[in-house]
Amino acid sequence: GEREQSEVLAWRKTERRNLAEGSEGDNNSSLILAEKRTYRRDPLNDFHKYTGGWNISNEHYWASVGFTAAPFFVIAAVWFVIFALCLFIICIRHCCCQLNSYGYSRTAYALSLIFLILFTIAAIAGCVVLYTGQGKFHGSTTDTLDYAVSKADLTAENLRNVSDYLSAAKKISVDSAILPSDVQKSIDDIDRKINSSASTLSHQTADNKEKIQHGLDRMRLALIILAAVMLFLAFLGF
């Protein structure tokens, strides 16, 4: 009995020390994921810098991501609109207008070939950048996801350890006196709740990890297909 009591007292001291260290770590923003990489302007917060880290459930995170990527999407949209208009005008001109055939000079052919080569090289470089960028993005997000899952698993393990300590504390006897039945019943209720919370946390963590990983894999596949299509069109001369 005295040995078990001393073990429980030692465990209490250790847990208090860990909780104190954990609170200090929280104050030092140790739980903020990818803080430096997500330091962007937030349009929902008067364009102040977003400091919440990688958090897909935070609307400010998505607002900062969208605001950062907005100029590139606008440029891409304008490029496609101009390309579509030019293609439409060329088609209308060839279909509706009777054009006289005439030849081009060697300078025009040389300039056309030079521009074709330059634009093809630029398209190939863009495909390479897109492919390598999606690889880095997938690796970074997967590492962040694994880190979050490991923290959740550690929390669930700590909850199970607390449950084991409570079960051990219930068996402690001092001078051949055991705990009252109502106290033991309360300990059993707390023990069940802790085990239920640990099981729920583990299940939800595994489920969310599977969904997020599936979404990341689909995004990676879409970007790879997009890069391949762009490279194919570049070789065709579009």
C-alpha atoms as a PDB file:
ATOM      1  CA  GLY A   1       0.000   0.000   0.000  1.00  0.00           C
ATOM      2  CA  GLU A   2       2.746   2.469   0.904  1.00  0.00           C
ATOM      3  CA  ARG A   3       4.632   1.671  -2.308  1.00  0.00           C
ATOM      4  CA  GLU A   4       1.583   2.309  -4.489  1.00  0.00           C
ATOM      5  CA  GLN A   5       0.844   5.517  -2.592  1.00  0.00           C
ATOM      6  CA  SER A   6       4.417   6.753  -3.112  1.00  0.00           C
ATOM      7  CA  GLU A   7       4.186   5.936  -6.834  1.00  0.00           C
ATOM      8  CA  VAL A   8       0.945   7.911  -7.166  1.00  0.00           C
ATOM      9  CA  LEU A   9       2.424  10.879  -5.293  1.00  0.00           C
ATOM     10  CA  ALA A  10       5.487  10.804  -7.530  1.00  0.00           C
ATOM     11  CA  TRP A  11       3.244  10.659 -10.584  1.00  0.00           C
ATOM     12  CA  ARG A  12       1.303  13.709  -9.347  1.00  0.00           C
ATOM     13  CA  LYS A  13       4.500  15.711  -8.983  1.00  0.00           C
ATOM     14  CA  THR A  14       5.623  14.672 -12.456  1.00  0.00           C
ATOM     15  CA  GLU A  15       2.275  15.560 -14.018  1.00  0.00           C
ATOM     16  CA  ARG A  16       2.222  18.957 -12.327  1.00  0.00           C
ATOM     17  CA  ARG A  17       5.692  19.664 -13.659  1.00  0.00           C
ATOM     18  CA  ASN A  18       4.689  18.562 -17.165  1.00  0.00           C
ATOM     19  CA  LEU A  19       1.566  20.701 -17.075  1.00  0.00           C
ATOM     20  CA  ALA A  20       3.593  23.706 -15.985  1.00  0.00           C
ATOM     21  CA  GLU A  21       6.084  23.144 -18.781  1.00  0.00           C
ATOM     22  CA  GLY A  22       3.245  22.613 -21.242  1.00  0.00           C
ATOM     23  CA  SER A  23       1.584  25.886 -20.279  1.00  0.00           C
ATOM     24  CA  GLU A  24       4.874  27.711 -20.788  1.00  0.00           C
ATOM     25  CA  GLY A  25       5.210  26.044 -24.197  1.00  0.00           C
ATOM     26  CA  ASP A  26       1.715  27.148 -25.154  1.00  0.00           C
ATOM     27  CA  ASN A  27       2.584  30.720 -24.244  1.00  0.00           C
ATOM     28  CA  ASN A  28       5.589  30.453 -26.541  1.00  0.00           C
ATOM     29  CA  SER A  29       3.343  29.477 -29.487  1.00  0.00           C
ATOM     30  CA  SER A  30       4.822  25.977 -29.719  1.00  0.00           C
ATOM     31  CA  LEU A  31       1.555  24.621 -31.097  1.00  0.00           C
ATOM     32  CA  ILE A  32       1.405  27.020 -34.058  1.00  0.00           C
ATOM     33  CA  LEU A  33       2.126  24.978 -37.174  1.00  0.00           C
ATOM     34  CA  ALA A  34       4.200  26.474 -40.016  1.00  0.00           C
ATOM     35  CA  GLU A  35       4.014  29.958 -38.509  1.00  0.00           C
ATOM     36  CA  LYS A  36       6.658  31.503 -40.777  1.00  0.00           C
ATOM     37  CA  ARG A  37       5.328  29.936 -43.979  1.00  0.00           C
ATOM     38  CA  THR A  38       1.775  31.166 -43.334  1.00  0.00           C
ATOM     39  CA  TYR A  39       2.733  34.726 -42.374  1.00  0.00           C
ATOM     40  CA  ARG A  40       0.551  36.510 -44.946  1.00  0.00           C
ATOM     41  CA  ARG A  41      -1.853  39.456 -45.129  1.00  0.00           C
ATOM     42  CA  ASP A  42      -5.420  38.698 -44.082  1.00  0.00           C
ATOM     43  CA  PRO A  43      -8.150  40.678 -45.926  1.00  0.00           C
ATOM     44  CA  LEU A  44     -10.693  39.710 -43.250  1.00  0.00           C
ATOM     45  CA  ASN A  45      -8.583  41.392 -40.554  1.00  0.00           C
ATOM     46  CA  ASP A  46      -7.938  44.799 -42.164  1.00  0.00           C
ATOM     47  CA  PHE A  47      -5.001  43.313 -44.102  1.00  0.00           C
ATOM     48  CA  HIS A  48      -2.982  42.660 -40.960  1.00  0.00           C
ATOM     49  CA  LYS A  49      -0.561  39.734 -40.969  1.00  0.00           C
ATOM     50  CA  TYR A  50      -2.090  36.317 -40.287  1.00  0.00           C
ATOM     51  CA  THR A  51      -0.264  34.596 -37.408  1.00  0.00           C
ATOM     52  CA  GLY A  52      -2.463  31.567 -36.728  1.00  0.00           C
ATOM     53  CA  GLY A  53      -0.304  29.061 -38.576  1.00  0.00           C
ATOM     54  CA  TRP A  54      -1.484  26.150 -40.694  1.00  0.00           C
ATOM     55  CA  ASN A  55      -5.142  25.673 -39.749  1.00  0.00           C
ATOM     56  CA  ILE A  56      -7.579  24.514 -42.436  1.00  0.00           C
ATOM     57  CA  SER A  57     -10.549  25.128 -40.121  1.00  0.00           C
ATOM     58  CA  ASN A  58      -9.743  28.844 -39.766  1.00  0.00           C
ATOM     59  CA  GLU A  59     -11.398  31.169 -42.274  1.00  0.00           C
ATOM     60  CA  HIS A  60      -8.600  33.706 -41.827  1.00  0.00           C
ATOM     61  CA  TYR A  61      -6.103  31.085 -43.023  1.00  0.00           C
ATOM     62  CA  TRP A  62      -8.034  30.510 -46.256  1.00  0.00           C
ATOM     63  CA  ALA A  63      -8.577  34.258 -46.695  1.00  0.00           C
ATOM     64  CA  SER A  64      -4.825  34.880 -46.476  1.00  0.00           C
ATOM     65  CA  VAL A  65      -4.142  32.024 -48.919  1.00  0.00           C
ATOM     66  CA  GLY A  66      -6.708  33.339 -51.398  1.00  0.00           C
ATOM     67  CA  PHE A  67      -5.442  36.906 -51.120  1.00  0.00           C
ATOM     68  CA  THR A  68      -1.849  35.796 -51.741  1.00  0.00           C
ATOM     69  CA  ALA A  69      -2.789  33.689 -54.775  1.00  0.00           C
ATOM     70  CA  ALA A  70      -5.342  36.163 -56.198  1.00  0.00           C
ATOM     71  CA  PRO A  71      -2.902  38.108 -58.454  1.00  0.00           C
ATOM     72  CA  PHE A  72      -1.667  34.914 -60.096  1.00  0.00           C
ATOM     73  CA  PHE A  73      -5.214  33.680 -60.718  1.00  0.00           C
ATOM     74  CA  VAL A  74      -6.136  37.073 -62.197  1.00  0.00           C
ATOM     75  CA  ILE A  75      -3.119  36.971 -64.524  1.00  0.00           C
ATOM     76  CA  ALA A  76      -3.996  33.421 -65.593  1.00  0.00           C
ATOM     77  CA  ALA A  77      -7.640  34.385 -66.196  1.00  0.00           C
ATOM     78  CA  VAL A  78      -6.655  37.443 -68.261  1.00  0.00           C
ATOM     79  CA  TRP A  79      -4.218  35.321 -70.253  1.00  0.00           C
ATOM     80  CA  PHE A  80      -6.877  32.733 -71.101  1.00  0.00           C
ATOM     81  CA  VAL A  81      -9.434  35.430 -71.979  1.00  0.00           C
ATOM     82  CA  ILE A  82      -6.990  37.142 -74.340  1.00  0.00           C
ATOM     83  CA  PHE A  83      -6.045  33.797 -75.871  1.00  0.00           C
ATOM     84  CA  ALA A  84      -9.707  32.892 -76.374  1.00  0.00           C
ATOM     85  CA  LEU A  85     -10.475  36.270 -77.972  1.00  0.00           C
ATOM     86  CA  CYS A  86      -7.508  36.013 -80.317  1.00  0.00           C
ATOM     87  CA  LEU A  87      -8.467  32.477 -81.297  1.00  0.00           C
ATOM     88  CA  PHE A  88     -12.080  33.561 -81.862  1.00  0.00           C
ATOM     89  CA  ILE A  89     -11.026  36.522 -84.026  1.00  0.00           C
ATOM     90  CA  ILE A  90      -8.696  34.325 -86.090  1.00  0.00           C
ATOM     91  CA  CYS A  91     -11.444  31.757 -86.644  1.00  0.00           C
ATOM     92  CA  ILE A  92     -13.970  34.434 -87.661  1.00  0.00           C
ATOM     93  CA  ARG A  93     -11.461  36.025 -89.989  1.00  0.00           C
ATOM     94  CA  HIS A  94     -10.629  32.735 -91.713  1.00  0.00           C
ATOM     95  CA  CYS A  95     -14.247  31.616 -91.968  1.00  0.00           C
ATOM     96  CA  CYS A  96     -15.975  34.854 -92.924  1.00  0.00           C
ATOM     97  CA  CYS A  97     -13.317  36.873 -94.712  1.00  0.00           C
ATOM     98  CA  GLN A  98     -11.735  36.038 -98.059  1.00  0.00           C
ATOM     99  CA  LEU A  99      -8.018  36.579 -97.643  1.00  0.00           C
ATOM    100  CA  ASN A 100      -5.562  36.864-100.479  1.00  0.00           C
ATOM    101  CA  SER A 101      -2.633  34.533-100.201  1.00  0.00           C
ATOM    102  CA  TYR A 102       0.712  36.212 -99.812  1.00  0.00           C
ATOM    103  CA  GLY A 103       4.134  35.121 -98.710  1.00  0.00           C
ATOM    104  CA  TYR A 104       6.229  36.119 -95.736  1.00  0.00           C
ATOM    105  CA  SER A 105       9.798  37.292 -95.717  1.00  0.00           C
ATOM    106  CA  ARG A 106      12.618  35.251 -94.251  1.00  0.00           C
ATOM    107  CA  THR A 107      12.850  37.704 -91.359  1.00  0.00           C
ATOM    108  CA  ALA A 108       9.216  37.073 -90.432  1.00  0.00           C
ATOM    109  CA  TYR A 109       9.749  33.313 -90.541  1.00  0.00           C
ATOM    110  CA  ALA A 110      12.906  33.628 -88.431  1.00  0.00           C
ATOM    111  CA  LEU A 111      11.167  35.819 -85.840  1.00  0.00           C
ATOM    112  CA  SER A 112       8.215  33.430 -85.714  1.00  0.00           C
ATOM    113  CA  LEU A 113      10.535  30.488 -85.158  1.00  0.00           C
ATOM    114  CA  ILE A 114      12.478  32.355 -82.449  1.00  0.00           C
ATOM    115  CA  PHE A 115       9.307  33.351 -80.596  1.00  0.00           C
ATOM    116  CA  LEU A 116       7.956  29.811 -80.920  1.00  0.00           C
ATOM    117  CA  ILE A 117      11.132  28.381 -79.393  1.00  0.00           C
ATOM    118  CA  LEU A 118      11.165  30.962 -76.589  1.00  0.00           C
ATOM    119  CA  PHE A 119       7.511  30.405 -75.680  1.00  0.00           C
ATOM    120  CA  THR A 120       7.980  26.630 -75.826  1.00  0.00           C
ATOM    121  CA  ILE A 121      10.961  26.856 -73.468  1.00  0.00           C
ATOM    122  CA  ALA A 122       8.946  29.115 -71.138  1.00  0.00           C
ATOM    123  CA  ALA A 123       6.040  26.647 -71.158  1.00  0.00           C
ATOM    124  CA  ILE A 124       8.385  23.735 -70.413  1.00  0.00           C
ATOM    125  CA  ALA A 125       9.973  25.700 -67.564  1.00  0.00           C
ATOM    126  CA  GLY A 126       6.508  26.477 -66.192  1.00  0.00           C
ATOM    127  CA  CYS A 127       5.617  22.784 -66.280  1.00  0.00           C
ATOM    128  CA  VAL A 128       8.816  21.904 -64.421  1.00  0.00           C
ATOM    129  CA  VAL A 129       8.154  24.590 -61.799  1.00  0.00           C
ATOM    130  CA  LEU A 130       4.564  23.385 -61.390  1.00  0.00           C
ATOM    131  CA  TYR A 131       5.652  19.761 -60.988  1.00  0.00           C
ATOM    132  CA  THR A 132       8.411  20.507 -58.469  1.00  0.00           C
ATOM    133  CA  GLY A 133       6.182  22.973 -56.612  1.00  0.00           C
ATOM    134  CA  GLN A 134       3.386  20.468 -56.176  1.00  0.00           C
ATOM    135  CA  GLY A 135       5.917  17.939 -54.890  1.00  0.00           C
ATOM    136  CA  LYS A 136       7.198  20.369 -52.266  1.00  0.00           C
ATOM    137  CA  PHE A 137       3.645  21.378 -51.331  1.00  0.00           C
ATOM    138  CA  HIS A 138       2.532  17.761 -50.967  1.00  0.00           C
ATOM    139  CA  GLY A 139       5.574  16.882 -48.867  1.00  0.00           C
ATOM    140  CA  SER A 140       5.182  19.925 -46.615  1.00  0.00           C
ATOM    141  CA  THR A 141       1.463  19.395 -46.007  1.00  0.00           C
ATOM    142  CA  THR A 142       1.972  15.670 -45.395  1.00  0.00           C
ATOM    143  CA  ASP A 143       4.699  16.392 -42.834  1.00  0.00           C
ATOM    144  CA  THR A 144       2.464  18.934 -41.106  1.00  0.00           C
ATOM    145  CA  LEU A 145      -0.421  16.459 -41.084  1.00  0.00           C
ATOM    146  CA  ASP A 146       1.789  13.745 -39.599  1.00  0.00           C
ATOM    147  CA  TYR A 147       2.960  16.180 -36.910  1.00  0.00           C
ATOM    148  CA  ALA A 148      -0.618  17.073 -35.957  1.00  0.00           C
ATOM    149  CA  VAL A 149      -1.616  13.397 -35.889  1.00  0.00           C
ATOM    150  CA  SER A 150       1.377  12.510 -33.707  1.00  0.00           C
ATOM    151  CA  LYS A 151       0.377  15.214 -31.207  1.00  0.00           C
ATOM    152  CA  ALA A 152      -3.188  13.894 -31.132  1.00  0.00           C
ATOM    153  CA  ASP A 153      -1.938  10.329 -30.607  1.00  0.00           C
ATOM    154  CA  LEU A 154       0.323  11.544 -27.801  1.00  0.00           C
ATOM    155  CA  THR A 155      -2.643  13.251 -26.145  1.00  0.00           C
ATOM    156  CA  ALA A 156      -4.723  10.073 -26.395  1.00  0.00           C
ATOM    157  CA  GLU A 157      -1.862   8.059 -24.903  1.00  0.00           C
ATOM    158  CA  ASN A 158      -1.561  10.525 -22.016  1.00  0.00           C
ATOM    159  CA  LEU A 159      -5.288  10.210 -21.363  1.00  0.00           C
ATOM    160  CA  ARG A 160      -4.971   6.430 -21.192  1.00  0.00           C
ATOM    161  CA  ASN A 161      -2.043   6.805 -18.798  1.00  0.00           C
ATOM    162  CA  VAL A 162      -4.180   9.025 -16.563  1.00  0.00           C
ATOM    163  CA  SER A 163      -6.867   6.340 -16.639  1.00  0.00           C
ATOM    164  CA  ASP A 164      -4.337   3.717 -15.559  1.00  0.00           C
ATOM    165  CA  TYR A 165      -3.122   5.960 -12.736  1.00  0.00           C
ATOM    166  CA  LEU A 166      -6.686   6.464 -11.518  1.00  0.00           C
ATOM    167  CA  SER A 167      -7.251   2.712 -11.524  1.00  0.00           C
ATOM    168  CA  ALA A 168      -4.082   2.289  -9.471  1.00  0.00           C
ATOM    169  CA  ALA A 169      -5.109   5.068  -7.083  1.00  0.00           C
ATOM    170  CA  LYS A 170      -8.440   3.364  -6.445  1.00  0.00           C
ATOM    171  CA  LYS A 171      -6.627   0.340  -5.004  1.00  0.00           C
ATOM    172  CA  ILE A 172      -4.583   2.331  -2.494  1.00  0.00           C
ATOM    173  CA  SER A 173      -5.212   1.484   1.148  1.00  0.00           C
ATOM    174  CA  VAL A 174      -3.908   3.447   4.131  1.00  0.00           C
ATOM    175  CA  ASP A 175      -3.700   1.607   7.472  1.00  0.00           C
ATOM    176  CA  SER A 176      -5.860  -1.199   6.027  1.00  0.00           C
ATOM    177  CA  ALA A 177      -8.582   1.328   5.160  1.00  0.00           C
ATOM    178  CA  ILE A 178      -9.866   1.377   1.595  1.00  0.00           C
ATOM    179  CA  LEU A 179     -11.615   4.148  -0.283  1.00  0.00           C
ATOM    180  CA  PRO A 180     -15.376   4.527   0.231  1.00  0.00           C
ATOM    181  CA  SER A 181     -17.612   2.971  -2.383  1.00  0.00           C
ATOM    182  CA  ASP A 182     -18.944   6.333  -3.590  1.00  0.00           C
ATOM    183  CA  VAL A 183     -15.395   7.567  -4.177  1.00  0.00           C
ATOM    184  CA  GLN A 184     -14.551   4.372  -6.046  1.00  0.00           C
ATOM    185  CA  LYS A 185     -17.704   4.805  -8.140  1.00  0.00           C
ATOM    186  CA  SER A 186     -16.702   8.375  -8.995  1.00  0.00           C
ATOM    187  CA  ILE A 187     -13.245   7.193  -9.992  1.00  0.00           C
ATOM    188  CA  ASP A 188     -14.799   4.503 -12.210  1.00  0.00           C
ATOM    189  CA  ASP A 189     -17.037   7.100 -13.896  1.00  0.00           C
ATOM    190  CA  ILE A 190     -14.097   9.402 -14.536  1.00  0.00           C
ATOM    191  CA  ASP A 191     -12.079   6.446 -15.783  1.00  0.00           C
ATOM    192  CA  ARG A 192     -14.778   5.519 -18.302  1.00  0.00           C
ATOM    193  CA  LYS A 193     -15.091   9.108 -19.515  1.00  0.00           C
ATOM    194  CA  ILE A 194     -11.336   9.420 -19.974  1.00  0.00           C
ATOM    195  CA  ASN A 195     -11.146   6.140 -21.896  1.00  0.00           C
ATOM    196  CA  SER A 196     -14.094   7.210 -24.042  1.00  0.00           C
ATOM    197  CA  SER A 197     -12.445  10.558 -24.780  1.00  0.00           C
ATOM    198  CA  ALA A 198      -9.171   8.863 -25.700  1.00  0.00           C
ATOM    199  CA  SER A 199     -10.933   6.409 -28.023  1.00  0.00           C
ATOM    200  CA  THR A 200     -12.971   9.197 -29.655  1.00  0.00           C
ATOM    201  CA  LEU A 201      -9.848  11.299 -30.172  1.00  0.00           C
ATOM    202  CA  SER A 202      -7.951   8.412 -31.760  1.00  0.00           C
ATOM    203  CA  HIS A 203     -10.875   7.515 -34.035  1.00  0.00           C
ATOM    204  CA  GLN A 204     -11.533  11.095 -35.159  1.00  0.00           C
ATOM    205  CA  THR A 205      -7.835  11.705 -35.733  1.00  0.00           C
ATOM    206  CA  ALA A 206      -7.489   8.625 -37.938  1.00  0.00           C
ATOM    207  CA  ASP A 207     -10.672   9.500 -39.845  1.00  0.00           C
ATOM    208  CA  ASN A 208      -9.656  13.120 -40.449  1.00  0.00           C
ATOM    209  CA  LYS A 209      -6.145  12.086 -41.471  1.00  0.00           C
ATOM    210  CA  GLU A 210      -7.551   9.708 -44.075  1.00  0.00           C
ATOM    211  CA  LYS A 211      -9.868  12.382 -45.506  1.00  0.00           C
ATOM    212  CA  ILE A 212      -7.186  15.085 -45.624  1.00  0.00           C
ATOM    213  CA  GLN A 213      -4.608  12.717 -47.112  1.00  0.00           C
ATOM    214  CA  HIS A 214      -7.116  11.642 -49.766  1.00  0.00           C
ATOM    215  CA  GLY A 215      -7.759  15.286 -50.656  1.00  0.00           C
ATOM    216  CA  LEU A 216      -4.032  16.037 -50.850  1.00  0.00           C
ATOM    217  CA  ASP A 217      -3.447  13.023 -53.096  1.00  0.00           C
ATOM    218  CA  ARG A 218      -6.254  14.087 -55.445  1.00  0.00           C
ATOM    219  CA  MET A 219      -4.877  17.628 -55.595  1.00  0.00           C
ATOM    220  CA  ARG A 220      -1.420  16.273 -56.368  1.00  0.00           C
ATOM    221  CA  LEU A 221      -2.794  14.080 -59.154  1.00  0.00           C
ATOM    222  CA  ALA A 222      -4.707  17.025 -60.650  1.00  0.00           C
ATOM    223  CA  LEU A 223      -1.590  19.221 -60.665  1.00  0.00           C
ATOM    224  CA  ILE A 224       0.508  16.465 -62.250  1.00  0.00           C
ATOM    225  CA  ILE A 225      -2.108  15.969 -64.984  1.00  0.00           C
ATOM    226  CA  LEU A 226      -2.248  19.734 -65.550  1.00  0.00           C
ATOM    227  CA  ALA A 227       1.542  19.912 -65.904  1.00  0.00           C
ATOM    228  CA  ALA A 228       1.519  16.968 -68.329  1.00  0.00           C
ATOM    229  CA  VAL A 229      -1.239  18.535 -70.464  1.00  0.00           C
ATOM    230  CA  MET A 230       0.603  21.872 -70.546  1.00  0.00           C
ATOM    231  CA  LEU A 231       3.808  20.127 -71.602  1.00  0.00           C
ATOM    232  CA  PHE A 232       1.958  18.183 -74.303  1.00  0.00           C
ATOM    233  CA  LEU A 233       0.349  21.355 -75.679  1.00  0.00           C
ATOM    234  CA  ALA A 234       3.711  23.118 -75.619  1.00  0.00           C
ATOM    235  CA  PHE A 235       5.258  20.395 -77.790  1.00  0.00           C
ATOM    236  CA  LEU A 236       2.295  20.597 -80.175  1.00  0.00           C
ATOM    237  CA  GLY A 237       2.925  24.318 -80.567  1.00  0.00           C
ATOM    238  CA  PHE A 238      -0.162  25.778 -78.849  1.00  0.00           C
END
